[in-house]
Amino acid sequence: MSDAGFKIWQCRTCGWIYDEEAGAPDEGLAPGTRWADVPADWACPLCGTPKSDFDMIEL
């Protein structure tokens, strides 16, 4: 795991947030899972938007 800061990604369609530090355990993504390690065919759990339609955001 890189020691660079964790990033936060947001679904362009519904606004659902993926925080690398927290992961998404209910979606099979352990805490600390980097966005690059999320499977390419993964989709937003709320609206089904593909991973490619998420943007990195700063909170």
N, C-alpha and C. Protein backbone atom coordinates (compact mmCIF):
# COMPACT_ATOMS: atom_id res chain seq x y z
N MET A 1 0.84 -1.18 0.00
CA MET A 1 0.00 0.00 0.00
C MET A 1 0.89 1.24 0.00
N SER A 2 0.55 2.18 -0.82
CA SER A 2 1.29 3.43 -0.90
C SER A 2 1.07 4.23 0.37
N ASP A 3 2.05 5.05 0.73
CA ASP A 3 1.85 5.89 1.91
C ASP A 3 1.31 7.27 1.53
N ALA A 4 0.94 7.43 0.26
CA ALA A 4 0.27 8.66 -0.16
C ALA A 4 -1.09 8.73 0.51
N GLY A 5 -1.63 9.93 0.64
CA GLY A 5 -2.92 10.08 1.30
C GLY A 5 -4.03 9.35 0.57
N PHE A 6 -5.01 8.93 1.34
CA PHE A 6 -6.17 8.28 0.75
C PHE A 6 -6.99 9.30 -0.02
N LYS A 7 -7.66 8.86 -1.06
CA LYS A 7 -8.47 9.73 -1.90
C LYS A 7 -9.95 9.39 -1.72
N ILE A 8 -10.79 10.32 -2.17
CA ILE A 8 -12.24 10.14 -2.11
C ILE A 8 -12.79 10.30 -3.51
N TRP A 9 -13.68 9.40 -3.89
CA TRP A 9 -14.26 9.39 -5.23
C TRP A 9 -15.77 9.52 -5.12
N GLN A 10 -16.38 10.25 -6.06
CA GLN A 10 -17.82 10.48 -6.01
C GLN A 10 -18.48 10.10 -7.33
N CYS A 11 -19.62 9.42 -7.21
CA CYS A 11 -20.42 9.05 -8.38
C CYS A 11 -20.98 10.31 -9.02
N ARG A 12 -20.78 10.46 -10.32
CA ARG A 12 -21.30 11.63 -11.04
C ARG A 12 -22.82 11.63 -11.11
N THR A 13 -23.42 10.45 -11.04
CA THR A 13 -24.87 10.35 -11.22
C THR A 13 -25.64 10.64 -9.94
N CYS A 14 -25.27 9.97 -8.84
CA CYS A 14 -26.08 10.09 -7.62
C CYS A 14 -25.36 10.73 -6.44
N GLY A 15 -24.04 10.91 -6.56
CA GLY A 15 -23.30 11.55 -5.48
C GLY A 15 -22.76 10.61 -4.41
N TRP A 16 -22.96 9.28 -4.59
CA TRP A 16 -22.43 8.32 -3.61
C TRP A 16 -20.92 8.49 -3.50
N ILE A 17 -20.40 8.40 -2.28
CA ILE A 17 -18.98 8.63 -2.01
C ILE A 17 -18.26 7.31 -1.74
N TYR A 18 -17.09 7.13 -2.37
CA TYR A 18 -16.19 6.03 -2.03
C TYR A 18 -14.93 6.64 -1.42
N ASP A 19 -14.68 6.32 -0.18
CA ASP A 19 -13.51 6.79 0.56
C ASP A 19 -12.53 5.63 0.65
N GLU A 20 -11.34 5.79 0.05
CA GLU A 20 -10.36 4.70 0.05
C GLU A 20 -10.02 4.24 1.47
N GLU A 21 -9.92 5.16 2.40
CA GLU A 21 -9.56 4.80 3.76
C GLU A 21 -10.62 3.92 4.41
N ALA A 22 -11.89 4.25 4.20
CA ALA A 22 -12.98 3.49 4.80
C ALA A 22 -13.34 2.25 4.00
N GLY A 23 -13.07 2.28 2.68
CA GLY A 23 -13.48 1.18 1.82
C GLY A 23 -15.01 1.14 1.72
N ALA A 24 -15.52 0.03 1.27
CA ALA A 24 -16.97 -0.20 1.20
C ALA A 24 -17.19 -1.67 1.52
N PRO A 25 -17.05 -2.02 2.80
CA PRO A 25 -17.13 -3.45 3.18
C PRO A 25 -18.39 -4.15 2.69
N ASP A 26 -19.52 -3.43 2.66
CA ASP A 26 -20.76 -4.05 2.18
C ASP A 26 -20.69 -4.38 0.70
N GLU A 27 -19.75 -3.76 0.00
CA GLU A 27 -19.57 -4.00 -1.44
C GLU A 27 -18.35 -4.88 -1.71
N GLY A 28 -17.76 -5.42 -0.67
CA GLY A 28 -16.60 -6.31 -0.83
C GLY A 28 -15.28 -5.57 -0.97
N LEU A 29 -15.26 -4.27 -0.60
CA LEU A 29 -14.03 -3.48 -0.70
C LEU A 29 -13.54 -3.16 0.71
N ALA A 30 -12.46 -3.81 1.11
CA ALA A 30 -11.92 -3.65 2.46
C ALA A 30 -11.42 -2.24 2.69
N PRO A 31 -11.44 -1.78 3.95
CA PRO A 31 -10.84 -0.48 4.25
C PRO A 31 -9.40 -0.43 3.72
N GLY A 32 -9.03 0.71 3.15
CA GLY A 32 -7.69 0.86 2.59
C GLY A 32 -7.59 0.46 1.13
N THR A 33 -8.68 -0.01 0.52
CA THR A 33 -8.65 -0.40 -0.89
C THR A 33 -8.55 0.85 -1.76
N ARG A 34 -7.44 0.95 -2.50
CA ARG A 34 -7.22 2.08 -3.39
C ARG A 34 -8.16 1.98 -4.59
N TRP A 35 -8.52 3.14 -5.14
CA TRP A 35 -9.42 3.19 -6.30
C TRP A 35 -8.85 2.36 -7.45
N ALA A 36 -7.56 2.41 -7.64
CA ALA A 36 -6.92 1.65 -8.72
C ALA A 36 -7.12 0.14 -8.54
N ASP A 37 -7.35 -0.29 -7.30
CA ASP A 37 -7.53 -1.71 -7.01
C ASP A 37 -8.98 -2.15 -7.01
N VAL A 38 -9.90 -1.19 -7.19
CA VAL A 38 -11.32 -1.53 -7.31
C VAL A 38 -11.51 -2.14 -8.71
N PRO A 39 -12.18 -3.27 -8.84
CA PRO A 39 -12.33 -3.91 -10.15
C PRO A 39 -12.96 -2.97 -11.20
N ALA A 40 -12.49 -3.07 -12.43
CA ALA A 40 -12.97 -2.20 -13.52
C ALA A 40 -14.46 -2.36 -13.78
N ASP A 41 -15.02 -3.54 -13.47
CA ASP A 41 -16.44 -3.77 -13.73
C ASP A 41 -17.32 -3.42 -12.52
N TRP A 42 -16.72 -2.86 -11.48
CA TRP A 42 -17.47 -2.45 -10.29
C TRP A 42 -18.38 -1.29 -10.66
N ALA A 43 -19.53 -1.19 -10.00
CA ALA A 43 -20.47 -0.10 -10.27
C ALA A 43 -21.00 0.45 -8.95
N CYS A 44 -21.48 1.67 -8.99
CA CYS A 44 -22.05 2.33 -7.82
C CYS A 44 -23.14 1.46 -7.21
N PRO A 45 -23.07 1.24 -5.89
CA PRO A 45 -24.08 0.39 -5.26
C PRO A 45 -25.47 1.02 -5.19
N LEU A 46 -25.55 2.33 -5.35
CA LEU A 46 -26.86 2.98 -5.29
C LEU A 46 -27.55 3.07 -6.64
N CYS A 47 -26.78 3.40 -7.69
CA CYS A 47 -27.44 3.67 -8.97
C CYS A 47 -26.90 2.86 -10.14
N GLY A 48 -25.80 2.09 -9.93
CA GLY A 48 -25.28 1.26 -11.00
C GLY A 48 -24.36 1.96 -11.98
N THR A 49 -24.00 3.21 -11.70
CA THR A 49 -23.08 3.94 -12.57
C THR A 49 -21.73 3.24 -12.56
N PRO A 50 -21.09 3.07 -13.73
CA PRO A 50 -19.80 2.37 -13.77
C PRO A 50 -18.68 3.16 -13.09
N LYS A 51 -17.66 2.43 -12.66
CA LYS A 51 -16.49 3.02 -12.00
C LYS A 51 -15.90 4.16 -12.82
N SER A 52 -15.93 4.05 -14.14
CA SER A 52 -15.33 5.07 -15.01
C SER A 52 -16.04 6.42 -14.90
N ASP A 53 -17.25 6.44 -14.33
CA ASP A 53 -17.99 7.70 -14.20
C ASP A 53 -17.96 8.25 -12.78
N PHE A 54 -16.88 7.97 -12.06
CA PHE A 54 -16.64 8.56 -10.75
C PHE A 54 -15.53 9.58 -10.90
N ASP A 55 -15.58 10.63 -10.08
CA ASP A 55 -14.55 11.66 -10.08
C ASP A 55 -13.89 11.73 -8.71
N MET A 56 -12.58 11.99 -8.71
CA MET A 56 -11.89 12.21 -7.45
C MET A 56 -12.29 13.59 -6.94
N ILE A 57 -12.60 13.69 -5.65
CA ILE A 57 -13.01 14.97 -5.08
C ILE A 57 -12.17 15.29 -3.86
N GLU A 58 -12.18 16.53 -3.46
CA GLU A 58 -11.51 16.97 -2.25
C GLU A 58 -12.59 17.40 -1.28
N LEU A 59 -12.56 16.86 -0.07
CA LEU A 59 -13.52 17.25 0.95
C LEU A 59 -12.84 18.11 1.99
